[in-house]
């Protein structure tokens, strides 16, 4: 079994694969824990899913929280002796990265991009809605062109409460929203949800006008994807497991000691 781990700013996502089948998906909070506590939490989640950590024969990890990376890697070492493959410079991505410093592209976005290219083919517009919302463009030549980073909708809602004396806290739920709020809480909620959707739609329109981006598919993922995209007018595919699937593809396409069979990609890169 392959254990895939994505460490984000708000949560740690776990996925367990047997071949192509995703057997288990779980989230842990990024609360302060020791390596032993993370190991216990991972073991518990696997056990609740009817899986035995002793069956893990591969592990891949991506992280945007450097302070947690070594802790979680050590936690995996408490459960299994298999080496942990970290997503970072030198890993085989299967696509070109045309940004000033490719090492700045987060491991989660690398995984998102490879999974979307494999599952849906280029060109692509990728939306990852989590603690922040990222929107990226991948052209018809499988080149990651860059993107934008927007405040996450939940974090924006928290900021309202923290920085204003009279405005109320609001509960964010998915679904379509009217554009007019008739009390403060409704006005805030509509502003956050519709505002996020309008920003996403606006960037999609601009990305579609770029060279080699005409007809691009829009693929969205992330913990807040329903909140951010429920009111978008642009058609899109929502794939909540995109990052975990991308980590599996990265693991399978990265040479390691002892060799590793490469998967048959559904949309392989050009020769």
Protein backbone atom coordinates (compact mmCIF):
# COMPACT_ATOMS: atom_id res chain seq x y z
CA UNK A 1 0.00 0.00 0.00
CA UNK A 2 1.12 3.55 -0.71
CA UNK A 3 0.65 6.20 1.98
CA UNK A 4 0.28 9.69 0.46
CA UNK A 5 0.50 12.68 2.81
CA UNK A 6 -0.17 16.33 1.98
CA UNK A 7 0.70 18.81 4.74
CA UNK A 8 -1.25 22.03 4.30
CA UNK A 9 -1.54 25.14 6.44
CA UNK A 10 -4.81 24.05 8.04
CA UNK A 11 -4.77 20.25 7.85
CA UNK A 12 -2.76 17.14 7.03
CA UNK A 13 -4.44 15.00 4.36
CA UNK A 14 -3.81 11.26 4.30
CA UNK A 15 -4.55 8.90 1.43
CA UNK A 16 -3.86 5.19 1.18
CA UNK A 17 -3.71 3.53 -2.24
CA UNK A 18 -3.57 -0.09 -3.31
CA UNK A 19 -2.65 0.18 -6.95
CA UNK A 20 -4.95 2.82 -8.45
CA UNK A 21 -7.65 2.34 -5.81
CA UNK A 22 -7.89 5.00 -3.11
CA UNK A 23 -8.78 2.90 -0.06
CA UNK A 24 -8.80 5.64 2.56
CA UNK A 25 -8.82 9.41 2.81
CA UNK A 26 -8.58 11.24 6.12
CA UNK A 27 -7.69 14.68 7.46
CA UNK A 28 -5.81 15.57 10.64
CA UNK A 29 -5.63 19.06 12.08
CA UNK A 30 -2.26 20.78 12.13
CA UNK A 31 -2.51 21.12 15.91
CA UNK A 32 0.82 21.03 17.73
CA UNK A 33 1.85 17.39 18.13
CA UNK A 34 5.00 15.40 18.68
CA UNK A 35 6.19 12.81 16.16
CA UNK A 36 4.85 10.07 18.43
CA UNK A 37 1.44 11.77 18.57
CA UNK A 38 1.32 12.11 14.79
CA UNK A 39 2.29 8.45 14.46
CA UNK A 40 -0.51 7.46 16.83
CA UNK A 41 -3.00 9.64 14.94
CA UNK A 42 -2.03 8.16 11.56
CA UNK A 43 -2.12 4.61 12.94
CA UNK A 44 -5.56 5.25 14.44
CA UNK A 45 -6.96 6.60 11.17
CA UNK A 46 -5.65 3.61 9.25
CA UNK A 47 -7.05 1.20 11.83
CA UNK A 48 -10.46 2.88 11.73
CA UNK A 49 -10.42 2.30 7.97
CA UNK A 50 -9.62 -1.37 8.46
CA UNK A 51 -6.02 -1.01 7.26
CA UNK A 52 -2.80 -2.24 8.84
CA UNK A 53 0.14 0.17 8.86
CA UNK A 54 2.47 -2.83 8.50
CA UNK A 55 1.20 -3.22 4.93
CA UNK A 56 2.57 0.18 3.87
CA UNK A 57 5.34 -0.40 1.35
CA UNK A 58 5.69 3.14 0.00
CA UNK A 59 5.20 6.71 1.18
CA UNK A 60 5.23 10.11 -0.50
CA UNK A 61 4.90 13.45 1.28
CA UNK A 62 4.31 17.02 0.12
CA UNK A 63 4.35 19.96 2.50
CA UNK A 64 3.93 23.72 2.54
CA UNK A 65 4.67 23.86 6.30
CA UNK A 66 8.42 23.26 6.77
CA UNK A 67 8.08 23.06 10.55
CA UNK A 68 5.82 20.00 10.25
CA UNK A 69 7.66 18.16 7.50
CA UNK A 70 10.29 16.49 9.66
CA UNK A 71 7.77 15.71 12.41
CA UNK A 72 5.41 13.90 10.06
CA UNK A 73 8.30 12.14 8.33
CA UNK A 74 9.52 10.94 11.73
CA UNK A 75 5.98 9.81 12.54
CA UNK A 76 5.90 7.67 9.41
CA UNK A 77 9.21 6.19 10.52
CA UNK A 78 7.54 5.02 13.73
CA UNK A 79 5.00 3.04 11.66
CA UNK A 80 7.09 1.63 8.83
CA UNK A 81 10.68 1.33 7.70
CA UNK A 82 9.97 2.42 4.11
CA UNK A 83 11.73 5.64 3.02
CA UNK A 84 9.60 8.74 2.56
CA UNK A 85 9.77 10.38 -0.88
CA UNK A 86 9.41 14.15 -0.46
CA UNK A 87 8.06 16.29 -3.27
CA UNK A 88 10.69 18.90 -4.01
CA UNK A 89 13.47 19.94 -6.39
CA UNK A 90 14.64 17.05 -8.55
CA UNK A 91 11.40 15.09 -8.56
CA UNK A 92 10.09 14.14 -11.99
CA UNK A 93 6.94 16.21 -12.57
CA UNK A 94 5.96 15.22 -16.10
CA UNK A 95 5.39 18.85 -17.14
CA UNK A 96 7.38 22.04 -17.70
CA UNK A 97 7.39 24.81 -15.09
CA UNK A 98 7.78 28.32 -16.48
CA UNK A 99 7.98 30.48 -13.36
CA UNK A 100 10.93 32.53 -12.09
CA UNK A 101 11.96 29.93 -9.50
CA UNK A 102 10.40 26.49 -10.06
CA UNK A 103 11.39 25.44 -6.54
CA UNK A 104 8.77 27.87 -5.23
CA UNK A 105 5.95 25.80 -6.70
CA UNK A 106 4.40 24.01 -3.72
CA UNK A 107 4.31 20.23 -3.67
CA UNK A 108 0.52 20.26 -3.51
CA UNK A 109 0.35 22.30 -6.72
CA UNK A 110 2.85 20.01 -8.42
CA UNK A 111 0.63 17.06 -7.48
CA UNK A 112 -2.53 18.88 -8.58
CA UNK A 113 -1.00 19.70 -11.96
CA UNK A 114 0.25 16.20 -12.72
CA UNK A 115 -3.04 14.60 -11.66
CA UNK A 116 -5.10 17.04 -13.73
CA UNK A 117 -2.90 16.55 -16.79
CA UNK A 118 -3.13 12.78 -16.39
CA UNK A 119 -6.87 12.65 -15.74
CA UNK A 120 -8.14 15.46 -17.98
CA UNK A 121 -5.37 16.51 -20.38
CA UNK A 122 -4.11 20.01 -21.30
CA UNK A 123 -4.74 22.88 -21.49
CA UNK A 124 -5.96 23.37 -17.93
CA UNK A 125 -6.99 25.97 -15.43
CA UNK A 126 -6.43 24.64 -11.91
CA UNK A 127 -8.18 25.92 -8.79
CA UNK A 128 -7.05 24.78 -5.34
CA UNK A 129 -9.24 26.30 -2.64
CA UNK A 130 -7.83 25.82 0.84
CA UNK A 131 -6.29 28.17 3.37
CA UNK A 132 -5.58 30.29 0.30
CA UNK A 133 -7.11 29.93 -3.14
CA UNK A 134 -4.67 29.41 -5.99
CA UNK A 135 -5.61 29.63 -9.66
CA UNK A 136 -3.05 28.43 -12.21
CA UNK A 137 -2.77 28.01 -15.96
CA UNK A 138 -1.21 25.05 -17.81
CA UNK A 139 -1.07 25.49 -21.58
CA UNK A 140 -1.58 22.99 -24.39
CA UNK A 141 2.15 22.11 -24.36
CA UNK A 142 1.93 20.92 -20.72
CA UNK A 143 3.72 24.04 -19.47
CA UNK A 144 2.80 25.46 -16.06
CA UNK A 145 2.67 29.17 -16.85
CA UNK A 146 2.01 30.59 -13.38
CA UNK A 147 -1.02 31.78 -11.50
CA UNK A 148 -2.41 33.89 -8.71
CA UNK A 149 -2.96 33.48 -4.96
CA UNK A 150 -6.13 34.84 -3.33
CA UNK A 151 -7.14 34.93 0.34
CA UNK A 152 -9.01 31.79 1.41
CA UNK A 153 -12.72 32.33 1.95
CA UNK A 154 -12.69 30.94 5.51
CA UNK A 155 -9.68 33.04 6.45
CA UNK A 156 -11.37 36.13 5.01
CA UNK A 157 -14.42 35.40 7.14
CA UNK A 158 -12.25 35.12 10.26
CA UNK A 159 -10.56 38.41 9.41
CA UNK A 160 -13.94 40.18 9.38
CA UNK A 161 -14.62 39.10 12.94
CA UNK A 162 -11.11 39.83 14.20
CA UNK A 163 -10.82 43.35 12.77
CA UNK A 164 -14.33 44.81 13.11
CA UNK A 165 -16.19 45.66 16.32
CA UNK A 166 -19.80 45.64 15.11
CA UNK A 167 -19.88 43.14 12.26
CA UNK A 168 -21.04 39.65 13.29
CA UNK A 169 -19.37 36.30 12.76
CA UNK A 170 -20.98 34.36 9.92
CA UNK A 171 -21.48 30.71 9.09
CA UNK A 172 -20.36 29.79 5.59
CA UNK A 173 -22.31 27.09 3.78
CA UNK A 174 -22.25 25.97 0.16
CA UNK A 175 -24.98 26.61 -2.39
CA UNK A 176 -26.02 29.44 -4.63
CA UNK A 177 -26.40 32.89 -3.11
CA UNK A 178 -28.48 35.93 -4.02
CA UNK A 179 -26.46 39.07 -4.57
CA UNK A 180 -28.35 41.21 -2.04
CA UNK A 181 -27.98 40.72 1.70
CA UNK A 182 -30.70 42.18 3.92
CA UNK A 183 -28.83 42.11 7.21
CA UNK A 184 -25.17 42.36 8.19
CA UNK A 185 -24.54 38.61 8.44
CA UNK A 186 -26.20 37.92 5.07
CA UNK A 187 -24.31 40.79 3.45
CA UNK A 188 -20.98 39.46 4.70
CA UNK A 189 -21.74 35.90 3.60
CA UNK A 190 -22.87 37.00 0.15
CA UNK A 191 -19.85 39.25 -0.19
CA UNK A 192 -17.46 36.44 0.70
CA UNK A 193 -19.05 33.68 -1.37
CA UNK A 194 -20.10 35.69 -4.41
CA UNK A 195 -16.92 37.76 -4.29
CA UNK A 196 -14.77 34.61 -4.32
CA UNK A 197 -16.78 33.19 -7.23
CA UNK A 198 -16.52 36.42 -9.22
CA UNK A 199 -12.75 36.54 -8.72
CA UNK A 200 -12.41 32.92 -9.85
CA UNK A 201 -14.62 33.52 -12.91
CA UNK A 202 -12.67 36.66 -13.74
CA UNK A 203 -9.31 34.92 -13.66
CA UNK A 204 -10.67 32.03 -15.72
CA UNK A 205 -11.79 34.51 -18.40
CA UNK A 206 -8.35 36.12 -18.48
CA UNK A 207 -6.49 32.82 -18.55
CA UNK A 208 -8.64 31.55 -21.43
CA UNK A 209 -7.48 34.55 -23.47
CA UNK A 210 -3.80 33.58 -23.11
CA UNK A 211 -1.94 31.86 -25.98
CA UNK A 212 -2.48 28.07 -26.12
CA UNK A 213 -5.19 28.28 -23.43
CA UNK A 214 -8.31 28.39 -25.61
CA UNK A 215 -10.80 25.72 -24.59
CA UNK A 216 -8.97 24.91 -21.37
CA UNK A 217 -10.73 22.61 -18.92
CA UNK A 218 -11.27 24.01 -15.44
CA UNK A 219 -10.47 21.59 -12.61
CA UNK A 220 -11.05 22.51 -8.97
CA UNK A 221 -10.01 20.88 -5.70
CA UNK A 222 -9.31 21.75 -2.07
CA UNK A 223 -11.08 21.73 1.27
CA UNK A 224 -13.10 24.88 0.51
CA UNK A 225 -13.77 24.12 -3.15
CA UNK A 226 -17.56 23.93 -2.77
CA UNK A 227 -17.70 27.27 -0.94
CA UNK A 228 -15.48 29.05 -3.44
CA UNK A 229 -16.92 27.65 -6.67
CA UNK A 230 -20.62 27.02 -5.91
CA UNK A 231 -21.52 30.42 -7.36
CA UNK A 232 -19.12 30.36 -10.32
CA UNK A 233 -20.70 30.72 -13.74
CA UNK A 234 -17.93 28.86 -15.53
CA UNK A 235 -18.33 25.09 -15.92
CA UNK A 236 -15.70 23.05 -14.09
CA UNK A 237 -14.83 19.61 -12.79
CA UNK A 238 -14.58 19.32 -9.01
CA UNK A 239 -12.13 16.61 -7.98
CA UNK A 240 -11.64 16.49 -4.19
CA UNK A 241 -8.97 13.77 -4.45
CA UNK A 242 -6.84 15.53 -7.06
CA UNK A 243 -3.85 16.21 -4.78
CA UNK A 244 -3.73 12.67 -3.37
CA UNK A 245 -4.00 11.18 -6.85
CA UNK A 246 -1.20 13.47 -8.01
CA UNK A 247 1.03 12.27 -5.18
CA UNK A 248 0.46 8.69 -6.34
CA UNK A 249 1.40 9.62 -9.90
CA UNK A 250 4.53 11.40 -8.66
CA UNK A 251 5.53 8.38 -6.58
CA UNK A 252 5.07 6.02 -9.51
CA UNK A 253 6.96 8.17 -12.01
CA UNK A 254 9.96 9.02 -9.78
CA UNK A 255 12.88 6.58 -10.09
CA UNK A 256 14.02 5.18 -6.74
CA UNK A 257 16.62 2.63 -5.66
CA UNK A 258 15.46 -0.79 -6.77
CA UNK A 259 13.45 0.63 -9.66
CA UNK A 260 9.75 1.32 -9.96
CA UNK A 261 7.30 0.47 -12.74
CA UNK A 262 5.95 3.56 -14.47
CA UNK A 263 2.19 3.95 -14.88
CA UNK A 264 0.48 4.23 -18.23
CA UNK A 265 -0.59 7.87 -18.23
CA UNK A 266 -3.97 8.64 -19.75
CA UNK A 267 -2.63 11.85 -21.28
CA UNK A 268 1.15 11.30 -21.62
CA UNK A 269 3.55 14.18 -22.31
CA UNK A 270 4.62 14.77 -25.91
CA UNK A 271 7.76 12.86 -26.97
